[in-house]
Amino acid sequence: MSPSEQPAPSFETLASEIAALCADAIEADRLGDIPDDSLGQVFASVVRLFAAKAQAGPAPRPFGRNSGVSPTDVVIGCSAMLDAAGLAVFELGAWQAMSQVGRQPNPRS
């Protein structure tokens, strides 16, 4: 099979590769090796896909296995997304009060 005939890697394979590259950049303090535009492209694509899946049915879990995402990471990411979209925390609160889209079931219920 020639390189042009090889099947495209699966989403799962690409996700694992991107996760490993991100973890390596963080652990080795090589954040400058990840171009901001490329990071933004991946981030935006993932946010759009998550939103589409959440609007189509039950929202997937936002963090996969071994994600290691901290509350600080979440707040920093959310703040950046709100700023980039020109939204205020008040508008996020209003959305959450009026919509169930993207909400996760409460495991304590």
PDB file of N, CA and C in Angstrom:
ATOM      1  N   MET A   1       0.848  -1.172   0.000  1.00  0.00           N
ATOM      2  CA  MET A   1       0.000   0.000   0.000  1.00  0.00           C
ATOM      3  C   MET A   1       0.896   1.239   0.000  1.00  0.00           C
ATOM      4  N   SER A   2       0.686   2.120  -0.927  1.00  0.00           N
ATOM      5  CA  SER A   2       1.501   3.337  -1.014  1.00  0.00           C
ATOM      6  C   SER A   2       1.023   4.341   0.039  1.00  0.00           C
ATOM      7  N   PRO A   3       1.868   5.317   0.387  1.00  0.00           N
ATOM      8  CA  PRO A   3       1.469   6.314   1.394  1.00  0.00           C
ATOM      9  C   PRO A   3       0.177   7.031   1.035  1.00  0.00           C
ATOM     10  N   SER A   4      -0.074   7.247  -0.252  1.00  0.00           N
ATOM     11  CA  SER A   4      -1.294   7.949  -0.640  1.00  0.00           C
ATOM     12  C   SER A   4      -2.533   7.075  -0.491  1.00  0.00           C
ATOM     13  N   GLU A   5      -2.345   5.756  -0.361  1.00  0.00           N
ATOM     14  CA  GLU A   5      -3.473   4.841  -0.224  1.00  0.00           C
ATOM     15  C   GLU A   5      -3.746   4.455   1.221  1.00  0.00           C
ATOM     16  N   GLN A   6      -2.916   4.912   2.153  1.00  0.00           N
ATOM     17  CA  GLN A   6      -3.119   4.550   3.545  1.00  0.00           C
ATOM     18  C   GLN A   6      -4.374   5.236   4.069  1.00  0.00           C
ATOM     19  N   PRO A   7      -5.153   4.505   4.867  1.00  0.00           N
ATOM     20  CA  PRO A   7      -6.363   5.124   5.415  1.00  0.00           C
ATOM     21  C   PRO A   7      -5.988   6.238   6.388  1.00  0.00           C
ATOM     22  N   ALA A   8      -6.859   7.219   6.473  1.00  0.00           N
ATOM     23  CA  ALA A   8      -6.634   8.322   7.413  1.00  0.00           C
ATOM     24  C   ALA A   8      -6.683   7.779   8.834  1.00  0.00           C
ATOM     25  N   PRO A   9      -5.869   8.342   9.728  1.00  0.00           N
ATOM     26  CA  PRO A   9      -5.916   7.873  11.113  1.00  0.00           C
ATOM     27  C   PRO A   9      -7.291   8.145  11.717  1.00  0.00           C
ATOM     28  N   SER A  10      -7.689   7.309  12.661  1.00  0.00           N
ATOM     29  CA  SER A  10      -8.988   7.484  13.309  1.00  0.00           C
ATOM     30  C   SER A  10      -8.957   8.699  14.234  1.00  0.00           C
ATOM     31  N   PHE A  11     -10.133   9.170  14.570  1.00  0.00           N
ATOM     32  CA  PHE A  11     -10.244  10.292  15.508  1.00  0.00           C
ATOM     33  C   PHE A  11      -9.585   9.927  16.832  1.00  0.00           C
ATOM     34  N   GLU A  12      -9.814   8.689  17.277  1.00  0.00           N
ATOM     35  CA  GLU A  12      -9.231   8.233  18.537  1.00  0.00           C
ATOM     36  C   GLU A  12      -7.706   8.292  18.501  1.00  0.00           C
ATOM     37  N   THR A  13      -7.117   7.873  17.387  1.00  0.00           N
ATOM     38  CA  THR A  13      -5.664   7.894  17.250  1.00  0.00           C
ATOM     39  C   THR A  13      -5.138   9.322  17.271  1.00  0.00           C
ATOM     40  N   LEU A  14      -5.774  10.195  16.497  1.00  0.00           N
ATOM     41  CA  LEU A  14      -5.347  11.593  16.459  1.00  0.00           C
ATOM     42  C   LEU A  14      -5.512  12.267  17.822  1.00  0.00           C
ATOM     43  N   ALA A  15      -6.618  11.968  18.507  1.00  0.00           N
ATOM     44  CA  ALA A  15      -6.845  12.557  19.834  1.00  0.00           C
ATOM     45  C   ALA A  15      -5.750  12.132  20.802  1.00  0.00           C
ATOM     46  N   SER A  16      -5.375  10.866  20.770  1.00  0.00           N
ATOM     47  CA  SER A  16      -4.312  10.377  21.649  1.00  0.00           C
ATOM     48  C   SER A  16      -2.980  11.036  21.317  1.00  0.00           C
ATOM     49  N   GLU A  17      -2.712  11.211  20.033  1.00  0.00           N
ATOM     50  CA  GLU A  17      -1.458  11.842  19.622  1.00  0.00           C
ATOM     51  C   GLU A  17      -1.410  13.312  20.052  1.00  0.00           C
ATOM     52  N   ILE A  18      -2.507  14.030  19.860  1.00  0.00           N
ATOM     53  CA  ILE A  18      -2.548  15.440  20.262  1.00  0.00           C
ATOM     54  C   ILE A  18      -2.427  15.550  21.778  1.00  0.00           C
ATOM     55  N   ALA A  19      -3.136  14.688  22.512  1.00  0.00           N
ATOM     56  CA  ALA A  19      -3.049  14.717  23.979  1.00  0.00           C
ATOM     57  C   ALA A  19      -1.615  14.468  24.436  1.00  0.00           C
ATOM     58  N   ALA A  20      -0.927  13.527  23.801  1.00  0.00           N
ATOM     59  CA  ALA A  20       0.459  13.223  24.172  1.00  0.00           C
ATOM     60  C   ALA A  20       1.381  14.403  23.856  1.00  0.00           C
ATOM     61  N   LEU A  21       1.190  15.030  22.695  1.00  0.00           N
ATOM     62  CA  LEU A  21       2.011  16.196  22.341  1.00  0.00           C
ATOM     63  C   LEU A  21       1.795  17.340  23.335  1.00  0.00           C
ATOM     64  N   CYS A  22       0.553  17.563  23.728  1.00  0.00           N
ATOM     65  CA  CYS A  22       0.251  18.626  24.693  1.00  0.00           C
ATOM     66  C   CYS A  22       0.883  18.315  26.040  1.00  0.00           C
ATOM     67  N   ALA A  23       0.714  17.081  26.511  1.00  0.00           N
ATOM     68  CA  ALA A  23       1.292  16.690  27.802  1.00  0.00           C
ATOM     69  C   ALA A  23       2.807  16.824  27.778  1.00  0.00           C
ATOM     70  N   ASP A  24       3.443  16.396  26.687  1.00  0.00           N
ATOM     71  CA  ASP A  24       4.903  16.509  26.573  1.00  0.00           C
ATOM     72  C   ASP A  24       5.346  17.972  26.620  1.00  0.00           C
ATOM     73  N   ALA A  25       4.622  18.849  25.919  1.00  0.00           N
ATOM     74  CA  ALA A  25       4.987  20.267  25.903  1.00  0.00           C
ATOM     75  C   ALA A  25       4.876  20.874  27.301  1.00  0.00           C
ATOM     76  N   ILE A  26       3.844  20.482  28.046  1.00  0.00           N
ATOM     77  CA  ILE A  26       3.661  21.005  29.402  1.00  0.00           C
ATOM     78  C   ILE A  26       4.753  20.460  30.332  1.00  0.00           C
ATOM     79  N   GLU A  27       4.930  19.147  30.311  1.00  0.00           N
ATOM     80  CA  GLU A  27       5.888  18.510  31.224  1.00  0.00           C
ATOM     81  C   GLU A  27       7.329  18.937  30.962  1.00  0.00           C
ATOM     82  N   ALA A  28       7.682  19.157  29.697  1.00  0.00           N
ATOM     83  CA  ALA A  28       9.058  19.532  29.348  1.00  0.00           C
ATOM     84  C   ALA A  28       9.246  21.055  29.298  1.00  0.00           C
ATOM     85  N   ASP A  29       8.203  21.793  29.691  1.00  0.00           N
ATOM     86  CA  ASP A  29       8.233  23.263  29.653  1.00  0.00           C
ATOM     87  C   ASP A  29       8.661  23.770  28.275  1.00  0.00           C
ATOM     88  N   ARG A  30       8.022  23.196  27.241  1.00  0.00           N
ATOM     89  CA  ARG A  30       8.271  23.606  25.859  1.00  0.00           C
ATOM     90  C   ARG A  30       6.991  24.191  25.262  1.00  0.00           C
ATOM     91  N   LEU A  31       6.337  25.063  26.003  1.00  0.00           N
ATOM     92  CA  LEU A  31       5.075  25.643  25.545  1.00  0.00           C
ATOM     93  C   LEU A  31       5.250  26.429  24.261  1.00  0.00           C
ATOM     94  N   GLY A  32       6.425  27.025  24.075  1.00  0.00           N
ATOM     95  CA  GLY A  32       6.703  27.789  22.867  1.00  0.00           C
ATOM     96  C   GLY A  32       6.760  26.940  21.616  1.00  0.00           C
ATOM     97  N   ASP A  33       6.886  25.616  21.766  1.00  0.00           N
ATOM     98  CA  ASP A  33       6.913  24.721  20.608  1.00  0.00           C
ATOM     99  C   ASP A  33       5.531  24.543  19.974  1.00  0.00           C
ATOM    100  N   ILE A  34       4.489  24.928  20.705  1.00  0.00           N
ATOM    101  CA  ILE A  34       3.118  24.795  20.198  1.00  0.00           C
ATOM    102  C   ILE A  34       2.678  26.167  19.691  1.00  0.00           C
ATOM    103  N   PRO A  35       2.537  26.320  18.366  1.00  0.00           N
ATOM    104  CA  PRO A  35       2.118  27.629  17.831  1.00  0.00           C
ATOM    105  C   PRO A  35       0.716  28.018  18.319  1.00  0.00           C
ATOM    106  N   ASP A  36       0.553  29.252  18.744  1.00  0.00           N
ATOM    107  CA  ASP A  36      -0.740  29.719  19.253  1.00  0.00           C
ATOM    108  C   ASP A  36      -1.863  29.513  18.237  1.00  0.00           C
ATOM    109  N   ASP A  37      -1.596  29.791  16.966  1.00  0.00           N
ATOM    110  CA  ASP A  37      -2.637  29.615  15.943  1.00  0.00           C
ATOM    111  C   ASP A  37      -3.068  28.161  15.824  1.00  0.00           C
ATOM    112  N   SER A  38      -2.117  27.246  15.905  1.00  0.00           N
ATOM    113  CA  SER A  38      -2.444  25.822  15.813  1.00  0.00           C
ATOM    114  C   SER A  38      -3.240  25.369  17.032  1.00  0.00           C
ATOM    115  N   LEU A  39      -2.830  25.826  18.205  1.00  0.00           N
ATOM    116  CA  LEU A  39      -3.566  25.499  19.430  1.00  0.00           C
ATOM    117  C   LEU A  39      -4.986  26.032  19.342  1.00  0.00           C
ATOM    118  N   GLY A  40      -5.131  27.278  18.891  1.00  0.00           N
ATOM    119  CA  GLY A  40      -6.461  27.869  18.737  1.00  0.00           C
ATOM    120  C   GLY A  40      -7.322  27.117  17.739  1.00  0.00           C
ATOM    121  N   GLN A  41      -6.716  26.626  16.674  1.00  0.00           N
ATOM    122  CA  GLN A  41      -7.449  25.858  15.662  1.00  0.00           C
ATOM    123  C   GLN A  41      -7.994  24.569  16.256  1.00  0.00           C
ATOM    124  N   VAL A  42      -7.152  23.860  16.996  1.00  0.00           N
ATOM    125  CA  VAL A  42      -7.584  22.604  17.624  1.00  0.00           C
ATOM    126  C   VAL A  42      -8.647  22.889  18.677  1.00  0.00           C
ATOM    127  N   PHE A  43      -8.395  23.909  19.507  1.00  0.00           N
ATOM    128  CA  PHE A  43      -9.320  24.260  20.586  1.00  0.00           C
ATOM    129  C   PHE A  43     -10.700  24.608  20.026  1.00  0.00           C
ATOM    130  N   ALA A  44     -10.734  25.454  19.009  1.00  0.00           N
ATOM    131  CA  ALA A  44     -12.008  25.861  18.405  1.00  0.00           C
ATOM    132  C   ALA A  44     -12.732  24.666  17.788  1.00  0.00           C
ATOM    133  N   SER A  45     -12.008  23.798  17.123  1.00  0.00           N
ATOM    134  CA  SER A  45     -12.625  22.626  16.496  1.00  0.00           C
ATOM    135  C   SER A  45     -13.253  21.713  17.542  1.00  0.00           C
ATOM    136  N   VAL A  46     -12.548  21.519  18.642  1.00  0.00           N
ATOM    137  CA  VAL A  46     -13.061  20.651  19.707  1.00  0.00           C
ATOM    138  C   VAL A  46     -14.292  21.287  20.364  1.00  0.00           C
ATOM    139  N   VAL A  47     -14.251  22.592  20.610  1.00  0.00           N
ATOM    140  CA  VAL A  47     -15.399  23.272  21.218  1.00  0.00           C
ATOM    141  C   VAL A  47     -16.609  23.182  20.291  1.00  0.00           C
ATOM    142  N   ARG A  48     -16.411  23.400  18.999  1.00  0.00           N
ATOM    143  CA  ARG A  48     -17.526  23.324  18.034  1.00  0.00           C
ATOM    144  C   ARG A  48     -18.106  21.921  17.972  1.00  0.00           C
ATOM    145  N   LEU A  49     -17.243  20.909  17.957  1.00  0.00           N
ATOM    146  CA  LEU A  49     -17.708  19.526  17.913  1.00  0.00           C
ATOM    147  C   LEU A  49     -18.467  19.169  19.182  1.00  0.00           C
ATOM    148  N   PHE A  50     -17.937  19.563  20.331  1.00  0.00           N
ATOM    149  CA  PHE A  50     -18.619  19.302  21.597  1.00  0.00           C
ATOM    150  C   PHE A  50     -20.007  19.945  21.592  1.00  0.00           C
ATOM    151  N   ALA A  51     -20.080  21.210  21.161  1.00  0.00           N
ATOM    152  CA  ALA A  51     -21.361  21.922  21.127  1.00  0.00           C
ATOM    153  C   ALA A  51     -22.353  21.233  20.189  1.00  0.00           C
ATOM    154  N   ALA A  52     -21.887  20.797  19.030  1.00  0.00           N
ATOM    155  CA  ALA A  52     -22.770  20.113  18.078  1.00  0.00           C
ATOM    156  C   ALA A  52     -23.304  18.812  18.669  1.00  0.00           C
ATOM    157  N   LYS A  53     -22.428  18.044  19.328  1.00  0.00           N
ATOM    158  CA  LYS A  53     -22.884  16.787  19.944  1.00  0.00           C
ATOM    159  C   LYS A  53     -23.853  17.058  21.090  1.00  0.00           C
ATOM    160  N   ALA A  54     -23.587  18.091  21.894  1.00  0.00           N
ATOM    161  CA  ALA A  54     -24.471  18.428  23.009  1.00  0.00           C
ATOM    162  C   ALA A  54     -25.835  18.890  22.514  1.00  0.00           C
ATOM    163  N   GLN A  55     -25.865  19.617  21.395  1.00  0.00           N
ATOM    164  CA  GLN A  55     -27.135  20.071  20.845  1.00  0.00           C
ATOM    165  C   GLN A  55     -27.907  18.932  20.188  1.00  0.00           C
ATOM    166  N   ALA A  56     -27.210  17.900  19.731  1.00  0.00           N
ATOM    167  CA  ALA A  56     -27.856  16.782  19.049  1.00  0.00           C
ATOM    168  C   ALA A  56     -28.414  15.746  20.013  1.00  0.00           C
ATOM    169  N   GLY A  57     -27.978  15.768  21.242  1.00  0.00           N
ATOM    170  CA  GLY A  57     -28.433  14.763  22.201  1.00  0.00           C
ATOM    171  C   GLY A  57     -27.744  14.959  23.527  1.00  0.00           C
ATOM    172  N   PRO A  58     -27.705  13.927  24.337  1.00  0.00           N
ATOM    173  CA  PRO A  58     -27.025  14.081  25.626  1.00  0.00           C
ATOM    174  C   PRO A  58     -25.571  14.521  25.422  1.00  0.00           C
ATOM    175  N   ALA A  59     -25.158  15.497  26.223  1.00  0.00           N
ATOM    176  CA  ALA A  59     -23.794  16.022  26.096  1.00  0.00           C
ATOM    177  C   ALA A  59     -22.783  14.961  26.519  1.00  0.00           C
ATOM    178  N   PRO A  60     -21.714  14.839  25.755  1.00  0.00           N
ATOM    179  CA  PRO A  60     -20.661  13.913  26.176  1.00  0.00           C
ATOM    180  C   PRO A  60     -19.949  14.473  27.408  1.00  0.00           C
ATOM    181  N   ARG A  61     -19.239  13.628  28.116  1.00  0.00           N
ATOM    182  CA  ARG A  61     -18.429  14.108  29.232  1.00  0.00           C
ATOM    183  C   ARG A  61     -17.367  15.034  28.655  1.00  0.00           C
ATOM    184  N   PRO A  62     -17.117  16.184  29.266  1.00  0.00           N
ATOM    185  CA  PRO A  62     -16.163  17.130  28.681  1.00  0.00           C
ATOM    186  C   PRO A  62     -14.701  16.696  28.803  1.00  0.00           C
ATOM    187  N   PHE A  63     -14.396  15.827  29.738  1.00  0.00           N
ATOM    188  CA  PHE A  63     -13.009  15.413  29.921  1.00  0.00           C
ATOM    189  C   PHE A  63     -12.917  13.901  29.865  1.00  0.00           C
ATOM    190  N   GLY A  64     -12.019  13.426  29.002  1.00  0.00           N
ATOM    191  CA  GLY A  64     -11.842  11.995  28.827  1.00  0.00           C
ATOM    192  C   GLY A  64     -10.904  11.394  29.855  1.00  0.00           C
ATOM    193  N   ARG A  65     -10.611  10.149  29.645  1.00  0.00           N
ATOM    194  CA  ARG A  65      -9.754   9.407  30.565  1.00  0.00           C
ATOM    195  C   ARG A  65      -8.401  10.081  30.735  1.00  0.00           C
ATOM    196  N   ASN A  66      -7.925  10.045  31.954  1.00  0.00           N
ATOM    197  CA  ASN A  66      -6.594  10.572  32.283  1.00  0.00           C
ATOM    198  C   ASN A  66      -6.372  12.000  31.812  1.00  0.00           C
ATOM    199  N   SER A  67      -7.414  12.827  31.844  1.00  0.00           N
ATOM    200  CA  SER A  67      -7.269  14.186  31.317  1.00  0.00           C
ATOM    201  C   SER A  67      -6.421  15.075  32.232  1.00  0.00           C
ATOM    202  N   GLY A  68      -6.506  14.869  33.524  1.00  0.00           N
ATOM    203  CA  GLY A  68      -5.718  15.669  34.449  1.00  0.00           C
ATOM    204  C   GLY A  68      -6.062  17.146  34.450  1.00  0.00           C
ATOM    205  N   VAL A  69      -7.278  17.497  34.086  1.00  0.00           N
ATOM    206  CA  VAL A  69      -7.700  18.888  34.024  1.00  0.00           C
ATOM    207  C   VAL A  69      -8.075  19.345  35.437  1.00  0.00           C
ATOM    208  N   SER A  70      -7.486  20.460  35.870  1.00  0.00           N
ATOM    209  CA  SER A  70      -7.757  20.991  37.208  1.00  0.00           C
ATOM    210  C   SER A  70      -8.855  22.060  37.143  1.00  0.00           C
ATOM    211  N   PRO A  71      -9.449  22.387  38.291  1.00  0.00           N
ATOM    212  CA  PRO A  71     -10.404  23.498  38.295  1.00  0.00           C
ATOM    213  C   PRO A  71      -9.784  24.800  37.773  1.00  0.00           C
ATOM    214  N   THR A  72      -8.516  25.043  38.083  1.00  0.00           N
ATOM    215  CA  THR A  72      -7.840  26.241  37.574  1.00  0.00           C
ATOM    216  C   THR A  72      -7.764  26.214  36.056  1.00  0.00           C
ATOM    217  N   ASP A  73      -7.436  25.050  35.475  1.00  0.00           N
ATOM    218  CA  ASP A  73      -7.394  24.910  34.019  1.00  0.00           C
ATOM    219  C   ASP A  73      -8.751  25.256  33.410  1.00  0.00           C
ATOM    220  N   VAL A  74      -9.821  24.768  34.043  1.00  0.00           N
ATOM    221  CA  VAL A  74     -11.175  25.013  33.535  1.00  0.00           C
ATOM    222  C   VAL A  74     -11.500  26.503  33.569  1.00  0.00           C
ATOM    223  N   VAL A  75     -11.206  27.166  34.679  1.00  0.00           N
ATOM    224  CA  VAL A  75     -11.514  28.587  34.807  1.00  0.00           C
ATOM    225  C   VAL A  75     -10.710  29.414  33.806  1.00  0.00           C
ATOM    226  N   ILE A  76      -9.436  29.093  33.634  1.00  0.00           N
ATOM    227  CA  ILE A  76      -8.612  29.825  32.664  1.00  0.00           C
ATOM    228  C   ILE A  76      -9.165  29.635  31.248  1.00  0.00           C
ATOM    229  N   GLY A  77      -9.487  28.394  30.877  1.00  0.00           N
ATOM    230  CA  GLY A  77     -10.039  28.123  29.548  1.00  0.00           C
ATOM    231  C   GLY A  77     -11.381  28.803  29.340  1.00  0.00           C
ATOM    232  N   CYS A  78     -12.259  28.726  30.339  1.00  0.00           N
ATOM    233  CA  CYS A  78     -13.576  29.366  30.226  1.00  0.00           C
ATOM    234  C   CYS A  78     -13.442  30.878  30.108  1.00  0.00           C
ATOM    235  N   SER A  79     -12.562  31.461  30.910  1.00  0.00           N
ATOM    236  CA  SER A  79     -12.361  32.917  30.846  1.00  0.00           C
ATOM    237  C   SER A  79     -11.873  33.339  29.471  1.00  0.00           C
ATOM    238  N   ALA A  80     -10.940  32.574  28.912  1.00  0.00           N
ATOM    239  CA  ALA A  80     -10.423  32.899  27.583  1.00  0.00           C
ATOM    240  C   ALA A  80     -11.516  32.783  26.523  1.00  0.00           C
ATOM    241  N   MET A  81     -12.335  31.717  26.626  1.00  0.00           N
ATOM    242  CA  MET A  81     -13.408  31.552  25.642  1.00  0.00           C
ATOM    243  C   MET A  81     -14.451  32.656  25.774  1.00  0.00           C
ATOM    244  N   LEU A  82     -14.835  33.016  27.003  1.00  0.00           N
ATOM    245  CA  LEU A  82     -15.805  34.089  27.192  1.00  0.00           C
ATOM    246  C   LEU A  82     -15.273  35.396  26.617  1.00  0.00           C
ATOM    247  N   ASP A  83     -14.016  35.725  26.903  1.00  0.00           N
ATOM    248  CA  ASP A  83     -13.416  36.946  26.355  1.00  0.00           C
ATOM    249  C   ASP A  83     -13.394  36.921  24.833  1.00  0.00           C
ATOM    250  N   ALA A  84     -12.982  35.794  24.252  1.00  0.00           N
ATOM    251  CA  ALA A  84     -12.878  35.687  22.792  1.00  0.00           C
ATOM    252  C   ALA A  84     -14.238  35.820  22.112  1.00  0.00           C
ATOM    253  N   ALA A  85     -15.287  35.360  22.797  1.00  0.00           N
ATOM    254  CA  ALA A  85     -16.630  35.425  22.225  1.00  0.00           C
ATOM    255  C   ALA A  85     -17.350  36.724  22.590  1.00  0.00           C
ATOM    256  N   GLY A  86     -16.705  37.560  23.404  1.00  0.00           N
ATOM    257  CA  GLY A  86     -17.330  38.813  23.804  1.00  0.00           C
ATOM    258  C   GLY A  86     -18.485  38.618  24.767  1.00  0.00           C
ATOM    259  N   LEU A  87     -18.393  37.592  25.598  1.00  0.00           N
ATOM    260  CA  LEU A  87     -19.456  37.296  26.556  1.00  0.00           C
ATOM    261  C   LEU A  87     -18.993  37.592  27.971  1.00  0.00           C
ATOM    262  N   ALA A  88     -19.953  37.920  28.842  1.00  0.00           N
ATOM    263  CA  ALA A  88     -19.656  38.147  30.249  1.00  0.00           C
ATOM    264  C   ALA A  88     -20.159  36.960  31.061  1.00  0.00           C
ATOM    265  N   VAL A  89     -19.655  36.840  32.269  1.00  0.00           N
ATOM    266  CA  VAL A  89     -20.079  35.750  33.142  1.00  0.00           C
ATOM    267  C   VAL A  89     -21.594  35.817  33.371  1.00  0.00           C
ATOM    268  N   PHE A  90     -22.144  37.013  33.435  1.00  0.00           N
ATOM    269  CA  PHE A  90     -23.590  37.174  33.595  1.00  0.00           C
ATOM    270  C   PHE A  90     -24.344  36.463  32.472  1.00  0.00           C
ATOM    271  N   GLU A  91     -23.862  36.623  31.236  1.00  0.00           N
ATOM    272  CA  GLU A  91     -24.518  35.982  30.091  1.00  0.00           C
ATOM    273  C   GLU A  91     -24.404  34.463  30.173  1.00  0.00           C
ATOM    274  N   LEU A  92     -23.291  33.969  30.657  1.00  0.00           N
ATOM    275  CA  LEU A  92     -23.135  32.526  30.862  1.00  0.00           C
ATOM    276  C   LEU A  92     -24.139  32.042  31.901  1.00  0.00           C
ATOM    277  N   GLY A  93     -24.268  32.787  32.983  1.00  0.00           N
ATOM    278  CA  GLY A  93     -25.233  32.423  34.019  1.00  0.00           C
ATOM    279  C   GLY A  93     -26.652  32.412  33.483  1.00  0.00           C
ATOM    280  N   ALA A  94     -26.998  33.406  32.656  1.00  0.00           N
ATOM    281  CA  ALA A  94     -28.336  33.452  32.066  1.00  0.00           C
ATOM    282  C   ALA A  94     -28.562  32.244  31.163  1.00  0.00           C
ATOM    283  N   TRP A  95     -27.557  31.892  30.363  1.00  0.00           N
ATOM    284  CA  TRP A  95     -27.666  30.728  29.483  1.00  0.00           C
ATOM    285  C   TRP A  95     -27.895  29.458  30.312  1.00  0.00           C
ATOM    286  N   GLN A  96     -27.112  29.293  31.370  1.00  0.00           N
ATOM    287  CA  GLN A  96     -27.248  28.096  32.194  1.00  0.00           C
ATOM    288  C   GLN A  96     -28.612  28.032  32.870  1.00  0.00           C
ATOM    289  N   ALA A  97     -29.156  29.187  33.262  1.00  0.00           N
ATOM    290  CA  ALA A  97     -30.464  29.210  33.906  1.00  0.00           C
ATOM    291  C   ALA A  97     -31.591  28.864  32.936  1.00  0.00           C
ATOM    292  N   MET A  98     -31.407  29.198  31.652  1.00  0.00           N
ATOM    293  CA  MET A  98     -32.476  29.007  30.669  1.00  0.00           C
ATOM    294  C   MET A  98     -32.329  27.752  29.822  1.00  0.00           C
ATOM    295  N   SER A  99     -31.193  27.078  29.880  1.00  0.00           N
ATOM    296  CA  SER A  99     -30.940  25.962  28.974  1.00  0.00           C
ATOM    297  C   SER A  99     -30.354  24.771  29.711  1.00  0.00           C
ATOM    298  N   GLN A 100     -30.658  23.607  29.229  1.00  0.00           N
ATOM    299  CA  GLN A 100     -30.050  22.390  29.754  1.00  0.00           C
ATOM    300  C   GLN A 100     -29.001  21.834  28.790  1.00  0.00           C
ATOM    301  N   VAL A 101     -28.819  22.493  27.635  1.00  0.00           N
ATOM    302  CA  VAL A 101     -27.869  22.015  26.630  1.00  0.00           C
ATOM    303  C   VAL A 101     -26.467  22.033  27.206  1.00  0.00           C
ATOM    304  N   GLY A 102     -25.792  20.916  27.112  1.00  0.00           N
ATOM    305  CA  GLY A 102     -24.420  20.809  27.582  1.00  0.00           C
ATOM    306  C   GLY A 102     -24.283  20.483  29.050  1.00  0.00           C
ATOM    307  N   ARG A 103     -25.380  20.497  29.794  1.00  0.00           N
ATOM    308  CA  ARG A 103     -25.315  20.213  31.224  1.00  0.00           C
ATOM    309  C   ARG A 103     -25.099  18.725  31.442  1.00  0.00           C
ATOM    310  N   GLN A 104     -24.389  18.434  32.495  1.00  0.00           N
ATOM    311  CA  GLN A 104     -24.130  17.045  32.867  1.00  0.00           C
ATOM    312  C   GLN A 104     -25.114  16.629  33.963  1.00  0.00           C
ATOM    313  N   PRO A 105     -25.578  15.355  33.932  1.00  0.00           N
ATOM    314  CA  PRO A 105     -26.468  14.918  34.999  1.00  0.00           C
ATOM    315  C   PRO A 105     -25.744  14.959  36.344  1.00  0.00           C
ATOM    316  N   ASN A 106     -26.465  15.308  37.382  1.00  0.00           N
ATOM    317  CA  ASN A 106     -25.887  15.362  38.714  1.00  0.00           C
ATOM    318  C   ASN A 106     -25.843  13.940  39.273  1.00  0.00           C
ATOM    319  N   PRO A 107     -24.626  13.409  39.530  1.00  0.00           N
ATOM    320  CA  PRO A 107     -24.534  12.027  40.016  1.00  0.00           C
ATOM    321  C   PRO A 107     -25.115  11.839  41.409  1.00  0.00           C
ATOM    322  N   ARG A 108     -25.344  12.945  42.134  1.00  0.00           N
ATOM    323  CA  ARG A 108     -25.900  12.850  43.497  1.00  0.00           C
ATOM    324  C   ARG A 108     -27.426  12.804  43.493  1.00  0.00           C
ATOM    325  N   SER A 109     -28.055  12.968  42.328  1.00  0.00           N
ATOM    326  CA  SER A 109     -29.525  12.975  42.269  1.00  0.00           C
ATOM    327  C   SER A 109     -30.079  11.580  42.308  1.00  0.00           C
TER     328      SER A 109
END
